[in-house]
Amino acid sequence: MDLEDLEAELSIILDEMEGPQGDYHEIYLRVRQMIQHMESLGMPPPDDLLKLEQRLDALMKEEASNQD
């Protein structure tokens, strides 16, 4: 997967977040996969993508603590 493919995938993920169909658990998993893929290719993930992953992770932890 080259840089253009990664950018296209990220664009799709961001579009999904804006609509009502945006399940952030699924988005988190896809973002995490993208980061791992970039790292496996020796590419540093962009800071904004890492921040997005952190924010989604915090959302999931907050949701889990509210269910207890």
N, C-alpha and C. Protein backbone atom coordinates (compact mmCIF):
# COMPACT_ATOMS: atom_id res chain seq x y z
N MET A 1 0.86 -1.16 0.00
CA MET A 1 0.00 0.00 0.00
C MET A 1 0.91 1.23 0.00
N ASP A 2 0.74 2.10 -0.97
CA ASP A 2 1.58 3.28 -1.04
C ASP A 2 0.92 4.46 -0.32
N LEU A 3 1.60 5.59 -0.32
CA LEU A 3 1.12 6.76 0.41
C LEU A 3 -0.23 7.23 -0.10
N GLU A 4 -0.47 7.17 -1.40
CA GLU A 4 -1.76 7.58 -1.94
C GLU A 4 -2.89 6.69 -1.43
N ASP A 5 -2.65 5.40 -1.35
CA ASP A 5 -3.65 4.46 -0.81
C ASP A 5 -3.94 4.76 0.66
N LEU A 6 -2.89 5.05 1.42
CA LEU A 6 -3.07 5.37 2.83
C LEU A 6 -3.88 6.65 2.99
N GLU A 7 -3.58 7.65 2.17
CA GLU A 7 -4.33 8.92 2.23
C GLU A 7 -5.79 8.69 1.86
N ALA A 8 -6.05 7.86 0.87
CA ALA A 8 -7.42 7.57 0.47
C ALA A 8 -8.17 6.85 1.60
N GLU A 9 -7.54 5.90 2.24
CA GLU A 9 -8.16 5.18 3.35
C GLU A 9 -8.46 6.13 4.50
N LEU A 10 -7.52 7.01 4.81
CA LEU A 10 -7.73 7.97 5.88
C LEU A 10 -8.89 8.90 5.54
N SER A 11 -8.99 9.31 4.30
CA SER A 11 -10.10 10.16 3.87
C SER A 11 -11.44 9.46 4.07
N ILE A 12 -11.50 8.19 3.75
CA ILE A 12 -12.73 7.41 3.93
C ILE A 12 -13.07 7.33 5.42
N ILE A 13 -12.08 7.09 6.25
CA ILE A 13 -12.32 6.99 7.69
C ILE A 13 -12.86 8.31 8.23
N LEU A 14 -12.26 9.42 7.81
CA LEU A 14 -12.72 10.72 8.29
C LEU A 14 -14.12 11.03 7.81
N ASP A 15 -14.44 10.66 6.59
CA ASP A 15 -15.81 10.85 6.09
C ASP A 15 -16.81 10.06 6.93
N GLU A 16 -16.46 8.85 7.31
CA GLU A 16 -17.35 8.02 8.11
C GLU A 16 -17.57 8.62 9.50
N MET A 17 -16.56 9.30 10.02
CA MET A 17 -16.69 9.90 11.34
C MET A 17 -17.70 11.05 11.34
N GLU A 18 -17.85 11.71 10.22
CA GLU A 18 -18.72 12.88 10.14
C GLU A 18 -20.19 12.49 10.05
N GLY A 19 -20.48 11.34 9.54
CA GLY A 19 -21.86 10.92 9.36
C GLY A 19 -22.38 10.12 10.54
N PRO A 20 -23.67 9.86 10.54
CA PRO A 20 -24.25 9.08 11.65
C PRO A 20 -23.80 7.63 11.66
N GLN A 21 -23.26 7.15 10.55
CA GLN A 21 -22.82 5.77 10.49
C GLN A 21 -21.45 5.57 11.14
N GLY A 22 -20.86 6.64 11.66
CA GLY A 22 -19.51 6.55 12.21
C GLY A 22 -19.45 5.86 13.56
N ASP A 23 -19.21 4.57 13.56
CA ASP A 23 -19.01 3.80 14.78
C ASP A 23 -17.54 3.96 15.17
N TYR A 24 -17.30 4.70 16.25
CA TYR A 24 -15.91 5.02 16.56
C TYR A 24 -15.10 3.81 16.99
N HIS A 25 -15.73 2.72 17.42
CA HIS A 25 -14.97 1.51 17.71
C HIS A 25 -14.34 0.96 16.42
N GLU A 26 -15.15 0.90 15.38
CA GLU A 26 -14.65 0.43 14.09
C GLU A 26 -13.61 1.39 13.53
N ILE A 27 -13.88 2.67 13.66
CA ILE A 27 -12.94 3.68 13.16
C ILE A 27 -11.62 3.57 13.91
N TYR A 28 -11.69 3.37 15.23
CA TYR A 28 -10.47 3.20 16.02
C TYR A 28 -9.65 2.02 15.50
N LEU A 29 -10.31 0.90 15.27
CA LEU A 29 -9.59 -0.27 14.78
C LEU A 29 -8.94 -0.01 13.43
N ARG A 30 -9.66 0.69 12.55
CA ARG A 30 -9.10 0.98 11.23
C ARG A 30 -7.94 1.95 11.31
N VAL A 31 -8.06 2.96 12.19
CA VAL A 31 -6.95 3.91 12.38
C VAL A 31 -5.75 3.17 12.94
N ARG A 32 -5.98 2.30 13.92
CA ARG A 32 -4.88 1.53 14.52
C ARG A 32 -4.19 0.65 13.47
N GLN A 33 -4.98 0.02 12.61
CA GLN A 33 -4.40 -0.80 11.52
C GLN A 33 -3.55 0.06 10.59
N MET A 34 -4.05 1.24 10.28
CA MET A 34 -3.32 2.13 9.37
C MET A 34 -1.99 2.54 10.00
N ILE A 35 -2.01 2.87 11.28
CA ILE A 35 -0.78 3.26 11.97
C ILE A 35 0.21 2.10 11.97
N GLN A 36 -0.26 0.91 12.29
CA GLN A 36 0.62 -0.26 12.30
C GLN A 36 1.19 -0.54 10.91
N HIS A 37 0.36 -0.36 9.89
CA HIS A 37 0.83 -0.59 8.53
C HIS A 37 1.90 0.42 8.15
N MET A 38 1.67 1.66 8.48
CA MET A 38 2.68 2.70 8.19
C MET A 38 3.98 2.39 8.90
N GLU A 39 3.89 2.00 10.17
CA GLU A 39 5.09 1.68 10.93
C GLU A 39 5.82 0.47 10.33
N SER A 40 5.06 -0.50 9.84
CA SER A 40 5.69 -1.69 9.24
C SER A 40 6.42 -1.34 7.94
N LEU A 41 5.99 -0.25 7.29
CA LEU A 41 6.66 0.20 6.07
C LEU A 41 7.80 1.18 6.37
N GLY A 42 8.03 1.44 7.66
CA GLY A 42 9.08 2.37 8.04
C GLY A 42 8.67 3.83 7.91
N MET A 43 7.37 4.06 7.78
CA MET A 43 6.85 5.43 7.66
C MET A 43 6.38 5.90 9.02
N PRO A 44 6.77 7.09 9.42
CA PRO A 44 6.25 7.60 10.70
C PRO A 44 4.80 8.05 10.53
N PRO A 45 3.91 7.59 11.39
CA PRO A 45 2.51 8.03 11.29
C PRO A 45 2.42 9.53 11.59
N PRO A 46 1.56 10.24 10.89
CA PRO A 46 1.40 11.67 11.16
C PRO A 46 0.89 11.90 12.59
N ASP A 47 1.32 13.01 13.17
CA ASP A 47 0.91 13.33 14.54
C ASP A 47 -0.60 13.42 14.68
N ASP A 48 -1.28 13.99 13.68
CA ASP A 48 -2.73 14.12 13.79
C ASP A 48 -3.42 12.76 13.80
N LEU A 49 -2.86 11.79 13.10
CA LEU A 49 -3.43 10.45 13.11
C LEU A 49 -3.21 9.79 14.48
N LEU A 50 -2.04 10.00 15.07
CA LEU A 50 -1.77 9.48 16.40
C LEU A 50 -2.69 10.13 17.43
N LYS A 51 -2.93 11.43 17.29
CA LYS A 51 -3.83 12.13 18.21
C LYS A 51 -5.26 11.61 18.05
N LEU A 52 -5.67 11.34 16.82
CA LEU A 52 -7.00 10.79 16.59
C LEU A 52 -7.14 9.44 17.28
N GLU A 53 -6.12 8.61 17.16
CA GLU A 53 -6.15 7.31 17.83
C GLU A 53 -6.29 7.48 19.34
N GLN A 54 -5.55 8.41 19.91
CA GLN A 54 -5.61 8.66 21.35
C GLN A 54 -7.00 9.14 21.77
N ARG A 55 -7.59 10.01 20.98
CA ARG A 55 -8.92 10.53 21.32
C ARG A 55 -9.98 9.43 21.25
N LEU A 56 -9.89 8.60 20.23
CA LEU A 56 -10.84 7.49 20.11
C LEU A 56 -10.65 6.50 21.25
N ASP A 57 -9.41 6.25 21.62
CA ASP A 57 -9.13 5.36 22.73
C ASP A 57 -9.73 5.91 24.02
N ALA A 58 -9.59 7.21 24.24
CA ALA A 58 -10.16 7.84 25.43
C ALA A 58 -11.68 7.73 25.43
N LEU A 59 -12.31 7.89 24.27
CA LEU A 59 -13.76 7.76 24.16
C LEU A 59 -14.21 6.35 24.57
N MET A 60 -13.50 5.36 24.08
CA MET A 60 -13.87 3.98 24.38
C MET A 60 -13.67 3.69 25.88
N LYS A 61 -12.60 4.20 26.48
CA LYS A 61 -12.37 3.99 27.91
C LYS A 61 -13.44 4.69 28.74
N GLU A 62 -13.82 5.90 28.30
CA GLU A 62 -14.87 6.62 29.01
C GLU A 62 -16.20 5.87 28.92
N GLU A 63 -16.51 5.36 27.75
CA GLU A 63 -17.73 4.60 27.59
C GLU A 63 -17.72 3.34 28.46
N ALA A 64 -16.59 2.68 28.50
CA ALA A 64 -16.47 1.45 29.32
C ALA A 64 -16.63 1.77 30.80
N SER A 65 -16.09 2.88 31.26
CA SER A 65 -16.21 3.23 32.68
C SER A 65 -17.64 3.65 33.02
N ASN A 66 -18.36 4.21 32.06
CA ASN A 66 -19.76 4.60 32.30
C ASN A 66 -20.69 3.39 32.35
N GLN A 67 -20.28 2.29 31.76
CA GLN A 67 -21.12 1.09 31.75
C GLN A 67 -20.97 0.30 33.05
N ASP A 68 -19.94 0.60 33.81
CA ASP A 68 -19.71 -0.14 35.07
C ASP A 68 -20.65 0.29 36.15
